[in-house]
Amino acid sequence: MITVVPRLLSVVLILVVLTPRSDGAGQGMQWCIADEQTAVDVLQVALDWACGAGGANCSMIQPNKPCYFPNTVKDHASYAFNSYWQKHKHQGGTCYFNAAAMVTDLNPSHDACQFESLP
């Protein structure tokens, strides 16, 4: 019985360390990004729609802006898809883009390029 207590304490300690914080910091945040398995031409069509008729804010993926690099269709599409989805998700907008996108809990922001996330 005495040898079980240290093991039990170790398990409890690990669970405490790995349990998400209860203060809500970072919880429930999601982003819409391009699916890496989607062909570039399909991503380009969806990117063009998101930045056009979709009304996404694509100003940050223009040259000399924080999200221009990496300058790839996938990265620009991820920013545009997320912009559209964050703007429209509470009115029924989806992160679908003809199966070119997916929702993630991992923040795709990098360096000075910050992806918006609304609860």
PDB file of N, CA and C in Angstrom:
ATOM      1  N   MET A   1       0.823  -1.197   0.000  1.00  0.00           N
ATOM      2  CA  MET A   1       0.000   0.000   0.000  1.00  0.00           C
ATOM      3  C   MET A   1       0.863   1.254   0.000  1.00  0.00           C
ATOM      4  N   ILE A   2       1.966   1.243   0.756  1.00  0.00           N
ATOM      5  CA  ILE A   2       2.826   2.417   0.855  1.00  0.00           C
ATOM      6  C   ILE A   2       3.509   2.700  -0.481  1.00  0.00           C
ATOM      7  N   THR A   3       3.825   1.683  -1.261  1.00  0.00           N
ATOM      8  CA  THR A   3       4.465   1.909  -2.560  1.00  0.00           C
ATOM      9  C   THR A   3       3.494   2.447  -3.599  1.00  0.00           C
ATOM     10  N   VAL A   4       2.225   2.261  -3.369  1.00  0.00           N
ATOM     11  CA  VAL A   4       1.217   2.765  -4.303  1.00  0.00           C
ATOM     12  C   VAL A   4       1.048   4.277  -4.174  1.00  0.00           C
ATOM     13  N   VAL A   5       1.213   4.804  -2.982  1.00  0.00           N
ATOM     14  CA  VAL A   5       1.005   6.234  -2.739  1.00  0.00           C
ATOM     15  C   VAL A   5       1.925   7.104  -3.593  1.00  0.00           C
ATOM     16  N   PRO A   6       3.237   6.847  -3.645  1.00  0.00           N
ATOM     17  CA  PRO A   6       4.083   7.685  -4.516  1.00  0.00           C
ATOM     18  C   PRO A   6       3.673   7.614  -5.986  1.00  0.00           C
ATOM     19  N   ARG A   7       3.291   6.446  -6.450  1.00  0.00           N
ATOM     20  CA  ARG A   7       2.843   6.322  -7.843  1.00  0.00           C
ATOM     21  C   ARG A   7       1.570   7.103  -8.069  1.00  0.00           C
ATOM     22  N   LEU A   8       0.643   7.005  -7.126  1.00  0.00           N
ATOM     23  CA  LEU A   8      -0.613   7.735  -7.234  1.00  0.00           C
ATOM     24  C   LEU A   8      -0.357   9.232  -7.227  1.00  0.00           C
ATOM     25  N   LEU A   9       0.535   9.686  -6.367  1.00  0.00           N
ATOM     26  CA  LEU A   9       0.881  11.109  -6.326  1.00  0.00           C
ATOM     27  C   LEU A   9       1.508  11.553  -7.640  1.00  0.00           C
ATOM     28  N   SER A  10       2.332  10.711  -8.238  1.00  0.00           N
ATOM     29  CA  SER A  10       2.941  11.042  -9.529  1.00  0.00           C
ATOM     30  C   SER A  10       1.882  11.196 -10.611  1.00  0.00           C
ATOM     31  N   VAL A  11       0.924  10.299 -10.621  1.00  0.00           N
ATOM     32  CA  VAL A  11      -0.152  10.369 -11.612  1.00  0.00           C
ATOM     33  C   VAL A  11      -0.978  11.626 -11.406  1.00  0.00           C
ATOM     34  N   VAL A  12      -1.300  11.936 -10.166  1.00  0.00           N
ATOM     35  CA  VAL A  12      -2.087  13.143  -9.871  1.00  0.00           C
ATOM     36  C   VAL A  12      -1.319  14.387 -10.300  1.00  0.00           C
ATOM     37  N   LEU A  13      -0.033  14.432 -10.021  1.00  0.00           N
ATOM     38  CA  LEU A  13       0.790  15.574 -10.409  1.00  0.00           C
ATOM     39  C   LEU A  13       0.810  15.738 -11.924  1.00  0.00           C
ATOM     40  N   ILE A  14       0.971  14.656 -12.650  1.00  0.00           N
ATOM     41  CA  ILE A  14       0.970  14.708 -14.114  1.00  0.00           C
ATOM     42  C   ILE A  14      -0.371  15.219 -14.620  1.00  0.00           C
ATOM     43  N   LEU A  15      -1.456  14.753 -14.050  1.00  0.00           N
ATOM     44  CA  LEU A  15      -2.780  15.207 -14.479  1.00  0.00           C
ATOM     45  C   LEU A  15      -2.977  16.690 -14.202  1.00  0.00           C
ATOM     46  N   VAL A  16      -2.490  17.160 -13.067  1.00  0.00           N
ATOM     47  CA  VAL A  16      -2.606  18.584 -12.745  1.00  0.00           C
ATOM     48  C   VAL A  16      -1.828  19.424 -13.739  1.00  0.00           C
ATOM     49  N   VAL A  17      -0.626  18.973 -14.092  1.00  0.00           N
ATOM     50  CA  VAL A  17       0.220  19.713 -15.035  1.00  0.00           C
ATOM     51  C   VAL A  17      -0.392  19.716 -16.431  1.00  0.00           C
ATOM     52  N   LEU A  18      -0.978  18.610 -16.848  1.00  0.00           N
ATOM     53  CA  LEU A  18      -1.500  18.494 -18.208  1.00  0.00           C
ATOM     54  C   LEU A  18      -2.929  18.988 -18.369  1.00  0.00           C
ATOM     55  N   THR A  19      -3.639  19.235 -17.286  1.00  0.00           N
ATOM     56  CA  THR A  19      -5.018  19.695 -17.372  1.00  0.00           C
ATOM     57  C   THR A  19      -5.046  21.145 -17.831  1.00  0.00           C
ATOM     58  N   PRO A  20      -5.892  21.469 -18.829  1.00  0.00           N
ATOM     59  CA  PRO A  20      -5.981  22.858 -19.296  1.00  0.00           C
ATOM     60  C   PRO A  20      -6.367  23.796 -18.166  1.00  0.00           C
ATOM     61  N   ARG A  21      -5.878  25.026 -18.267  1.00  0.00           N
ATOM     62  CA  ARG A  21      -6.179  26.024 -17.245  1.00  0.00           C
ATOM     63  C   ARG A  21      -7.661  26.326 -17.232  1.00  0.00           C
ATOM     64  N   SER A  22      -8.174  26.604 -16.055  1.00  0.00           N
ATOM     65  CA  SER A  22      -9.604  26.857 -15.916  1.00  0.00           C
ATOM     66  C   SER A  22      -9.949  28.332 -16.009  1.00  0.00           C
ATOM     67  N   ASP A  23      -8.955  29.202 -16.258  1.00  0.00           N
ATOM     68  CA  ASP A  23      -9.247  30.628 -16.347  1.00  0.00           C
ATOM     69  C   ASP A  23      -9.742  31.043 -17.724  1.00  0.00           C
ATOM     70  N   GLY A  24      -9.845  30.094 -18.651  1.00  0.00           N
ATOM     71  CA  GLY A  24     -10.387  30.367 -19.973  1.00  0.00           C
ATOM     72  C   GLY A  24      -9.362  30.888 -20.966  1.00  0.00           C
ATOM     73  N   ALA A  25      -8.144  31.142 -20.530  1.00  0.00           N
ATOM     74  CA  ALA A  25      -7.126  31.682 -21.427  1.00  0.00           C
ATOM     75  C   ALA A  25      -6.835  30.705 -22.552  1.00  0.00           C
ATOM     76  N   GLY A  26      -7.131  31.097 -23.781  1.00  0.00           N
ATOM     77  CA  GLY A  26      -6.833  30.284 -24.946  1.00  0.00           C
ATOM     78  C   GLY A  26      -7.828  29.178 -25.222  1.00  0.00           C
ATOM     79  N   GLN A  27      -8.747  28.942 -24.333  1.00  0.00           N
ATOM     80  CA  GLN A  27      -9.698  27.851 -24.538  1.00  0.00           C
ATOM     81  C   GLN A  27     -10.807  28.286 -25.485  1.00  0.00           C
ATOM     82  N   GLY A  28     -11.240  27.369 -26.312  1.00  0.00           N
ATOM     83  CA  GLY A  28     -12.338  27.650 -27.221  1.00  0.00           C
ATOM     84  C   GLY A  28     -11.937  28.431 -28.453  1.00  0.00           C
ATOM     85  N   MET A  29     -10.656  28.705 -28.620  1.00  0.00           N
ATOM     86  CA  MET A  29     -10.197  29.458 -29.778  1.00  0.00           C
ATOM     87  C   MET A  29     -10.014  28.494 -30.947  1.00  0.00           C
ATOM     88  N   GLN A  30     -10.519  28.905 -32.100  1.00  0.00           N
ATOM     89  CA  GLN A  30     -10.391  28.075 -33.295  1.00  0.00           C
ATOM     90  C   GLN A  30     -10.111  28.966 -34.498  1.00  0.00           C
ATOM     91  N   TRP A  31      -9.453  28.360 -35.476  1.00  0.00           N
ATOM     92  CA  TRP A  31      -9.110  29.057 -36.699  1.00  0.00           C
ATOM     93  C   TRP A  31      -9.482  28.179 -37.888  1.00  0.00           C
ATOM     94  N   CYS A  32      -9.752  28.811 -39.018  1.00  0.00           N
ATOM     95  CA  CYS A  32     -10.069  28.118 -40.259  1.00  0.00           C
ATOM     96  C   CYS A  32      -8.848  28.258 -41.167  1.00  0.00           C
ATOM     97  N   ILE A  33      -8.295  27.122 -41.574  1.00  0.00           N
ATOM     98  CA  ILE A  33      -7.077  27.145 -42.389  1.00  0.00           C
ATOM     99  C   ILE A  33      -7.246  26.266 -43.626  1.00  0.00           C
ATOM    100  N   ALA A  34      -6.388  26.487 -44.603  1.00  0.00           N
ATOM    101  CA  ALA A  34      -6.386  25.665 -45.816  1.00  0.00           C
ATOM    102  C   ALA A  34      -5.957  24.251 -45.466  1.00  0.00           C
ATOM    103  N   ASP A  35      -6.620  23.290 -46.079  1.00  0.00           N
ATOM    104  CA  ASP A  35      -6.247  21.889 -45.927  1.00  0.00           C
ATOM    105  C   ASP A  35      -5.023  21.637 -46.800  1.00  0.00           C
ATOM    106  N   GLU A  36      -3.944  21.172 -46.211  1.00  0.00           N
ATOM    107  CA  GLU A  36      -2.684  20.958 -46.945  1.00  0.00           C
ATOM    108  C   GLU A  36      -2.813  19.951 -48.072  1.00  0.00           C
ATOM    109  N   GLN A  37      -3.830  19.118 -48.043  1.00  0.00           N
ATOM    110  CA  GLN A  37      -4.011  18.108 -49.076  1.00  0.00           C
ATOM    111  C   GLN A  37      -4.765  18.634 -50.296  1.00  0.00           C
ATOM    112  N   THR A  38      -5.236  19.870 -50.229  1.00  0.00           N
ATOM    113  CA  THR A  38      -6.009  20.446 -51.329  1.00  0.00           C
ATOM    114  C   THR A  38      -5.075  20.967 -52.418  1.00  0.00           C
ATOM    115  N   ALA A  39      -5.420  20.706 -53.649  1.00  0.00           N
ATOM    116  CA  ALA A  39      -4.617  21.157 -54.789  1.00  0.00           C
ATOM    117  C   ALA A  39      -4.557  22.685 -54.838  1.00  0.00           C
ATOM    118  N   VAL A  40      -3.442  23.198 -55.304  1.00  0.00           N
ATOM    119  CA  VAL A  40      -3.213  24.642 -55.349  1.00  0.00           C
ATOM    120  C   VAL A  40      -4.274  25.351 -56.186  1.00  0.00           C
ATOM    121  N   ASP A  41      -4.689  24.759 -57.315  1.00  0.00           N
ATOM    122  CA  ASP A  41      -5.688  25.431 -58.154  1.00  0.00           C
ATOM    123  C   ASP A  41      -7.035  25.532 -57.437  1.00  0.00           C
ATOM    124  N   VAL A  42      -7.393  24.544 -56.647  1.00  0.00           N
ATOM    125  CA  VAL A  42      -8.645  24.591 -55.878  1.00  0.00           C
ATOM    126  C   VAL A  42      -8.536  25.648 -54.782  1.00  0.00           C
ATOM    127  N   LEU A  43      -7.381  25.698 -54.105  1.00  0.00           N
ATOM    128  CA  LEU A  43      -7.156  26.730 -53.089  1.00  0.00           C
ATOM    129  C   LEU A  43      -7.223  28.126 -53.688  1.00  0.00           C
ATOM    130  N   GLN A  44      -6.671  28.290 -54.887  1.00  0.00           N
ATOM    131  CA  GLN A  44      -6.662  29.608 -55.528  1.00  0.00           C
ATOM    132  C   GLN A  44      -8.078  30.088 -55.823  1.00  0.00           C
ATOM    133  N   VAL A  45      -8.924  29.200 -56.324  1.00  0.00           N
ATOM    134  CA  VAL A  45     -10.323  29.567 -56.605  1.00  0.00           C
ATOM    135  C   VAL A  45     -11.019  29.988 -55.312  1.00  0.00           C
ATOM    136  N   ALA A  46     -10.821  29.216 -54.244  1.00  0.00           N
ATOM    137  CA  ALA A  46     -11.446  29.537 -52.960  1.00  0.00           C
ATOM    138  C   ALA A  46     -10.877  30.828 -52.375  1.00  0.00           C
ATOM    139  N   LEU A  47      -9.578  31.032 -52.519  1.00  0.00           N
ATOM    140  CA  LEU A  47      -8.937  32.270 -52.060  1.00  0.00           C
ATOM    141  C   LEU A  47      -9.504  33.472 -52.794  1.00  0.00           C
ATOM    142  N   ASP A  48      -9.632  33.373 -54.107  1.00  0.00           N
ATOM    143  CA  ASP A  48     -10.198  34.469 -54.898  1.00  0.00           C
ATOM    144  C   ASP A  48     -11.622  34.787 -54.447  1.00  0.00           C
ATOM    145  N   TRP A  49     -12.422  33.760 -54.172  1.00  0.00           N
ATOM    146  CA  TRP A  49     -13.793  33.994 -53.721  1.00  0.00           C
ATOM    147  C   TRP A  49     -13.795  34.653 -52.342  1.00  0.00           C
ATOM    148  N   ALA A  50     -12.977  34.119 -51.422  1.00  0.00           N
ATOM    149  CA  ALA A  50     -12.949  34.656 -50.058  1.00  0.00           C
ATOM    150  C   ALA A  50     -12.570  36.135 -50.060  1.00  0.00           C
ATOM    151  N   CYS A  51     -11.566  36.501 -50.851  1.00  0.00           N
ATOM    152  CA  CYS A  51     -11.104  37.889 -50.901  1.00  0.00           C
ATOM    153  C   CYS A  51     -12.011  38.778 -51.750  1.00  0.00           C
ATOM    154  N   GLY A  52     -12.871  38.168 -52.548  1.00  0.00           N
ATOM    155  CA  GLY A  52     -13.792  38.933 -53.382  1.00  0.00           C
ATOM    156  C   GLY A  52     -15.191  38.922 -52.806  1.00  0.00           C
ATOM    157  N   ALA A  53     -16.042  38.089 -53.391  1.00  0.00           N
ATOM    158  CA  ALA A  53     -17.449  38.024 -52.986  1.00  0.00           C
ATOM    159  C   ALA A  53     -17.631  37.636 -51.520  1.00  0.00           C
ATOM    160  N   GLY A  54     -16.681  36.873 -50.957  1.00  0.00           N
ATOM    161  CA  GLY A  54     -16.795  36.443 -49.564  1.00  0.00           C
ATOM    162  C   GLY A  54     -16.589  37.551 -48.549  1.00  0.00           C
ATOM    163  N   GLY A  55     -15.922  38.598 -48.956  1.00  0.00           N
ATOM    164  CA  GLY A  55     -15.744  39.750 -48.074  1.00  0.00           C
ATOM    165  C   GLY A  55     -14.674  39.599 -47.014  1.00  0.00           C
ATOM    166  N   ALA A  56     -13.764  38.629 -47.177  1.00  0.00           N
ATOM    167  CA  ALA A  56     -12.671  38.484 -46.215  1.00  0.00           C
ATOM    168  C   ALA A  56     -11.762  39.706 -46.275  1.00  0.00           C
ATOM    169  N   ASN A  57     -11.156  40.043 -45.159  1.00  0.00           N
ATOM    170  CA  ASN A  57     -10.187  41.131 -45.136  1.00  0.00           C
ATOM    171  C   ASN A  57      -8.843  40.553 -45.554  1.00  0.00           C
ATOM    172  N   CYS A  58      -8.455  40.793 -46.784  1.00  0.00           N
ATOM    173  CA  CYS A  58      -7.224  40.225 -47.330  1.00  0.00           C
ATOM    174  C   CYS A  58      -6.102  41.250 -47.409  1.00  0.00           C
ATOM    175  N   SER A  59      -6.264  42.372 -46.750  1.00  0.00           N
ATOM    176  CA  SER A  59      -5.239  43.419 -46.807  1.00  0.00           C
ATOM    177  C   SER A  59      -3.915  42.961 -46.196  1.00  0.00           C
ATOM    178  N   MET A  60      -3.945  42.076 -45.221  1.00  0.00           N
ATOM    179  CA  MET A  60      -2.718  41.651 -44.536  1.00  0.00           C
ATOM    180  C   MET A  60      -1.891  40.652 -45.344  1.00  0.00           C
ATOM    181  N   ILE A  61      -2.436  40.127 -46.451  1.00  0.00           N
ATOM    182  CA  ILE A  61      -1.666  39.196 -47.281  1.00  0.00           C
ATOM    183  C   ILE A  61      -1.171  39.868 -48.562  1.00  0.00           C
ATOM    184  N   GLN A  62      -1.249  41.189 -48.598  1.00  0.00           N
ATOM    185  CA  GLN A  62      -0.726  41.956 -49.725  1.00  0.00           C
ATOM    186  C   GLN A  62       0.771  42.183 -49.519  1.00  0.00           C
ATOM    187  N   PRO A  63       1.526  42.471 -50.613  1.00  0.00           N
ATOM    188  CA  PRO A  63       2.967  42.725 -50.469  1.00  0.00           C
ATOM    189  C   PRO A  63       3.250  43.798 -49.418  1.00  0.00           C
ATOM    190  N   ASN A  64       4.328  43.596 -48.680  1.00  0.00           N
ATOM    191  CA  ASN A  64       4.787  44.498 -47.622  1.00  0.00           C
ATOM    192  C   ASN A  64       3.881  44.522 -46.396  1.00  0.00           C
ATOM    193  N   LYS A  65       2.994  43.563 -46.267  1.00  0.00           N
ATOM    194  CA  LYS A  65       2.134  43.440 -45.079  1.00  0.00           C
ATOM    195  C   LYS A  65       2.591  42.235 -44.266  1.00  0.00           C
ATOM    196  N   PRO A  66       2.248  42.175 -42.978  1.00  0.00           N
ATOM    197  CA  PRO A  66       2.776  41.134 -42.079  1.00  0.00           C
ATOM    198  C   PRO A  66       2.488  39.689 -42.482  1.00  0.00           C
ATOM    199  N   CYS A  67       1.415  39.447 -43.219  1.00  0.00           N
ATOM    200  CA  CYS A  67       1.062  38.056 -43.555  1.00  0.00           C
ATOM    201  C   CYS A  67       1.346  37.707 -45.012  1.00  0.00           C
ATOM    202  N   TYR A  68       2.117  38.544 -45.702  1.00  0.00           N
ATOM    203  CA  TYR A  68       2.456  38.253 -47.093  1.00  0.00           C
ATOM    204  C   TYR A  68       3.388  37.047 -47.198  1.00  0.00           C
ATOM    205  N   PHE A  69       4.320  36.940 -46.261  1.00  0.00           N
ATOM    206  CA  PHE A  69       5.225  35.791 -46.247  1.00  0.00           C
ATOM    207  C   PHE A  69       4.769  34.779 -45.216  1.00  0.00           C
ATOM    208  N   PRO A  70       4.860  33.489 -45.460  1.00  0.00           N
ATOM    209  CA  PRO A  70       5.328  32.918 -46.708  1.00  0.00           C
ATOM    210  C   PRO A  70       4.346  33.195 -47.849  1.00  0.00           C
ATOM    211  N   ASN A  71       4.896  33.527 -48.985  1.00  0.00           N
ATOM    212  CA  ASN A  71       4.108  33.885 -50.157  1.00  0.00           C
ATOM    213  C   ASN A  71       3.699  32.622 -50.917  1.00  0.00           C
ATOM    214  N   THR A  72       2.751  31.896 -50.335  1.00  0.00           N
ATOM    215  CA  THR A  72       2.227  30.687 -50.975  1.00  0.00           C
ATOM    216  C   THR A  72       0.717  30.774 -51.028  1.00  0.00           C
ATOM    217  N   VAL A  73       0.133  30.085 -51.969  1.00  0.00           N
ATOM    218  CA  VAL A  73      -1.326  30.055 -52.078  1.00  0.00           C
ATOM    219  C   VAL A  73      -1.922  29.473 -50.805  1.00  0.00           C
ATOM    220  N   LYS A  74      -1.313  28.413 -50.271  1.00  0.00           N
ATOM    221  CA  LYS A  74      -1.837  27.778 -49.058  1.00  0.00           C
ATOM    222  C   LYS A  74      -1.835  28.748 -47.883  1.00  0.00           C
ATOM    223  N   ASP A  75      -0.759  29.459 -47.689  1.00  0.00           N
ATOM    224  CA  ASP A  75      -0.688  30.384 -46.557  1.00  0.00           C
ATOM    225  C   ASP A  75      -1.624  31.574 -46.727  1.00  0.00           C
ATOM    226  N   HIS A  76      -1.700  32.117 -47.931  1.00  0.00           N
ATOM    227  CA  HIS A  76      -2.625  33.225 -48.165  1.00  0.00           C
ATOM    228  C   HIS A  76      -4.073  32.759 -48.049  1.00  0.00           C
ATOM    229  N   ALA A  77      -4.358  31.565 -48.538  1.00  0.00           N
ATOM    230  CA  ALA A  77      -5.710  31.019 -48.426  1.00  0.00           C
ATOM    231  C   ALA A  77      -6.073  30.812 -46.962  1.00  0.00           C
ATOM    232  N   SER A  78      -5.162  30.322 -46.166  1.00  0.00           N
ATOM    233  CA  SER A  78      -5.441  30.131 -44.741  1.00  0.00           C
ATOM    234  C   SER A  78      -5.828  31.446 -44.082  1.00  0.00           C
ATOM    235  N   TYR A  79      -5.094  32.499 -44.373  1.00  0.00           N
ATOM    236  CA  TYR A  79      -5.411  33.796 -43.778  1.00  0.00           C
ATOM    237  C   TYR A  79      -6.793  34.282 -44.247  1.00  0.00           C
ATOM    238  N   ALA A  80      -7.047  34.169 -45.532  1.00  0.00           N
ATOM    239  CA  ALA A  80      -8.326  34.633 -46.082  1.00  0.00           C
ATOM    240  C   ALA A  80      -9.493  33.785 -45.578  1.00  0.00           C
ATOM    241  N   PHE A  81      -9.325  32.466 -45.549  1.00  0.00           N
ATOM    242  CA  PHE A  81     -10.390  31.588 -45.063  1.00  0.00           C
ATOM    243  C   PHE A  81     -10.731  31.936 -43.623  1.00  0.00           C
ATOM    244  N   ASN A  82      -9.694  32.139 -42.813  1.00  0.00           N
ATOM    245  CA  ASN A  82      -9.931  32.467 -41.413  1.00  0.00           C
ATOM    246  C   ASN A  82     -10.614  33.820 -41.266  1.00  0.00           C
ATOM    247  N   SER A  83     -10.193  34.789 -42.049  1.00  0.00           N
ATOM    248  CA  SER A  83     -10.821  36.108 -41.994  1.00  0.00           C
ATOM    249  C   SER A  83     -12.314  36.011 -42.310  1.00  0.00           C
ATOM    250  N   TYR A  84     -12.628  35.294 -43.370  1.00  0.00           N
ATOM    251  CA  TYR A  84     -14.045  35.107 -43.743  1.00  0.00           C
ATOM    252  C   TYR A  84     -14.804  34.402 -42.615  1.00  0.00           C
ATOM    253  N   TRP A  85     -14.255  33.290 -42.129  1.00  0.00           N
ATOM    254  CA  TRP A  85     -14.962  32.468 -41.146  1.00  0.00           C
ATOM    255  C   TRP A  85     -15.176  33.212 -39.833  1.00  0.00           C
ATOM    256  N   GLN A  86     -14.172  33.920 -39.365  1.00  0.00           N
ATOM    257  CA  GLN A  86     -14.325  34.671 -38.115  1.00  0.00           C
ATOM    258  C   GLN A  86     -15.406  35.742 -38.262  1.00  0.00           C
ATOM    259  N   LYS A  87     -15.482  36.331 -39.439  1.00  0.00           N
ATOM    260  CA  LYS A  87     -16.457  37.396 -39.700  1.00  0.00           C
ATOM    261  C   LYS A  87     -17.883  36.856 -39.818  1.00  0.00           C
ATOM    262  N   HIS A  88     -18.038  35.641 -40.347  1.00  0.00           N
ATOM    263  CA  HIS A  88     -19.373  35.129 -40.674  1.00  0.00           C
ATOM    264  C   HIS A  88     -19.835  33.894 -39.900  1.00  0.00           C
ATOM    265  N   LYS A  89     -19.003  33.317 -39.045  1.00  0.00           N
ATOM    266  CA  LYS A  89     -19.360  32.047 -38.406  1.00  0.00           C
ATOM    267  C   LYS A  89     -20.586  32.144 -37.512  1.00  0.00           C
ATOM    268  N   HIS A  90     -20.830  33.275 -36.915  1.00  0.00           N
ATOM    269  CA  HIS A  90     -22.001  33.408 -36.042  1.00  0.00           C
ATOM    270  C   HIS A  90     -23.281  33.699 -36.818  1.00  0.00           C
ATOM    271  N   GLN A  91     -23.151  33.912 -38.112  1.00  0.00           N
ATOM    272  CA  GLN A  91     -24.322  34.087 -38.972  1.00  0.00           C
ATOM    273  C   GLN A  91     -24.502  32.903 -39.913  1.00  0.00           C
ATOM    274  N   GLY A  92     -23.838  31.803 -39.631  1.00  0.00           N
ATOM    275  CA  GLY A  92     -23.997  30.596 -40.434  1.00  0.00           C
ATOM    276  C   GLY A  92     -22.889  30.345 -41.439  1.00  0.00           C
ATOM    277  N   GLY A  93     -21.880  31.215 -41.505  1.00  0.00           N
ATOM    278  CA  GLY A  93     -20.755  30.994 -42.413  1.00  0.00           C
ATOM    279  C   GLY A  93     -19.965  29.779 -41.969  1.00  0.00           C
ATOM    280  N   THR A  94     -19.451  29.039 -42.915  1.00  0.00           N
ATOM    281  CA  THR A  94     -18.730  27.817 -42.586  1.00  0.00           C
ATOM    282  C   THR A  94     -17.259  27.900 -42.998  1.00  0.00           C
ATOM    283  N   CYS A  95     -16.500  26.990 -42.466  1.00  0.00           N
ATOM    284  CA  CYS A  95     -15.097  26.811 -42.849  1.00  0.00           C
ATOM    285  C   CYS A  95     -15.066  25.594 -43.763  1.00  0.00           C
ATOM    286  N   TYR A  96     -15.593  25.749 -44.957  1.00  0.00           N
ATOM    287  CA  TYR A  96     -15.685  24.623 -45.876  1.00  0.00           C
ATOM    288  C   TYR A  96     -14.908  24.902 -47.161  1.00  0.00           C
ATOM    289  N   PHE A  97     -15.255  25.961 -47.850  1.00  0.00           N
ATOM    290  CA  PHE A  97     -14.572  26.374 -49.069  1.00  0.00           C
ATOM    291  C   PHE A  97     -14.390  25.226 -50.053  1.00  0.00           C
ATOM    292  N   ASN A  98     -15.512  24.563 -50.327  1.00  0.00           N
ATOM    293  CA  ASN A  98     -15.521  23.450 -51.277  1.00  0.00           C
ATOM    294  C   ASN A  98     -14.511  22.365 -50.882  1.00  0.00           C
ATOM    295  N   ALA A  99     -14.503  22.053 -49.587  1.00  0.00           N
ATOM    296  CA  ALA A  99     -13.639  21.032 -48.987  1.00  0.00           C
ATOM    297  C   ALA A  99     -12.153  21.409 -49.009  1.00  0.00           C
ATOM    298  N   ALA A 100     -11.845  22.690 -49.154  1.00  0.00           N
ATOM    299  CA  ALA A 100     -10.453  23.135 -49.201  1.00  0.00           C
ATOM    300  C   ALA A 100      -9.940  23.614 -47.848  1.00  0.00           C
ATOM    301  N   ALA A 101     -10.807  23.640 -46.824  1.00  0.00           N
ATOM    302  CA  ALA A 101     -10.418  24.198 -45.530  1.00  0.00           C
ATOM    303  C   ALA A 101     -10.836  23.287 -44.387  1.00  0.00           C
ATOM    304  N   MET A 102     -10.279  23.590 -43.225  1.00  0.00           N
ATOM    305  CA  MET A 102     -10.602  22.826 -42.028  1.00  0.00           C
ATOM    306  C   MET A 102     -10.420  23.704 -40.797  1.00  0.00           C
ATOM    307  N   VAL A 103     -11.092  23.353 -39.716  1.00  0.00           N
ATOM    308  CA  VAL A 103     -10.984  24.080 -38.455  1.00  0.00           C
ATOM    309  C   VAL A 103      -9.870  23.453 -37.628  1.00  0.00           C
ATOM    310  N   THR A 104      -9.093  24.316 -36.967  1.00  0.00           N
ATOM    311  CA  THR A 104      -8.014  23.845 -36.097  1.00  0.00           C
ATOM    312  C   THR A 104      -8.052  24.587 -34.770  1.00  0.00           C
ATOM    313  N   ASP A 105      -7.549  23.926 -33.737  1.00  0.00           N
ATOM    314  CA  ASP A 105      -7.385  24.541 -32.421  1.00  0.00           C
ATOM    315  C   ASP A 105      -5.969  25.098 -32.255  1.00  0.00           C
ATOM    316  N   LEU A 106      -5.115  24.878 -33.245  1.00  0.00           N
ATOM    317  CA  LEU A 106      -3.735  25.359 -33.185  1.00  0.00           C
ATOM    318  C   LEU A 106      -3.635  26.714 -33.884  1.00  0.00           C
ATOM    319  N   ASN A 107      -3.174  27.695 -33.174  1.00  0.00           N
ATOM    320  CA  ASN A 107      -3.084  29.051 -33.694  1.00  0.00           C
ATOM    321  C   ASN A 107      -2.071  29.113 -34.846  1.00  0.00           C
ATOM    322  N   PRO A 108      -2.525  29.485 -36.052  1.00  0.00           N
ATOM    323  CA  PRO A 108      -1.613  29.555 -37.198  1.00  0.00           C
ATOM    324  C   PRO A 108      -0.814  30.855 -37.274  1.00  0.00           C
ATOM    325  N   SER A 109      -1.009  31.756 -36.329  1.00  0.00           N
ATOM    326  CA  SER A 109      -0.266  33.019 -36.318  1.00  0.00           C
ATOM    327  C   SER A 109       1.231  32.747 -36.260  1.00  0.00           C
ATOM    328  N   HIS A 110       1.993  33.639 -36.866  1.00  0.00           N
ATOM    329  CA  HIS A 110       3.445  33.511 -36.858  1.00  0.00           C
ATOM    330  C   HIS A 110       4.066  34.884 -36.985  1.00  0.00           C
ATOM    331  N   ASP A 111       5.152  35.084 -36.289  1.00  0.00           N
ATOM    332  CA  ASP A 111       5.870  36.349 -36.311  1.00  0.00           C
ATOM    333  C   ASP A 111       4.876  37.500 -36.100  1.00  0.00           C
ATOM    334  N   ALA A 112       4.864  38.485 -37.008  1.00  0.00           N
ATOM    335  CA  ALA A 112       3.952  39.609 -36.873  1.00  0.00           C
ATOM    336  C   ALA A 112       2.584  39.342 -37.485  1.00  0.00           C
ATOM    337  N   CYS A 113       2.419  38.181 -38.098  1.00  0.00           N
ATOM    338  CA  CYS A 113       1.152  37.825 -38.744  1.00  0.00           C
ATOM    339  C   CYS A 113       0.218  37.183 -37.710  1.00  0.00           C
ATOM    340  N   GLN A 114      -0.786  37.923 -37.332  1.00  0.00           N
ATOM    341  CA  GLN A 114      -1.727  37.448 -36.312  1.00  0.00           C
ATOM    342  C   GLN A 114      -3.058  37.104 -36.943  1.00  0.00           C
ATOM    343  N   PHE A 115      -3.479  35.849 -36.766  1.00  0.00           N
ATOM    344  CA  PHE A 115      -4.775  35.386 -37.252  1.00  0.00           C
ATOM    345  C   PHE A 115      -5.831  35.698 -36.201  1.00  0.00           C
ATOM    346  N   GLU A 116      -6.897  36.308 -36.625  1.00  0.00           N
ATOM    347  CA  GLU A 116      -7.985  36.660 -35.709  1.00  0.00           C
ATOM    348  C   GLU A 116      -8.694  35.394 -35.235  1.00  0.00           C
ATOM    349  N   SER A 117      -9.170  35.431 -33.995  1.00  0.00           N
ATOM    350  CA  SER A 117     -10.000  34.350 -33.475  1.00  0.00           C
ATOM    351  C   SER A 117     -11.023  34.943 -32.530  1.00  0.00           C
ATOM    352  N   LEU A 118     -12.277  34.747 -32.858  1.00  0.00           N
ATOM    353  CA  LEU A 118     -13.368  35.238 -32.027  1.00  0.00           C
ATOM    354  C   LEU A 118     -14.060  34.054 -31.381  1.00  0.00           C
ATOM    355  N   PRO A 119     -14.470  34.215 -30.122  1.00  0.00           N
ATOM    356  CA  PRO A 119     -15.171  33.100 -29.457  1.00  0.00           C
ATOM    357  C   PRO A 119     -16.491  32.765 -30.124  1.00  0.00           C
TER     358      PRO A 119
END
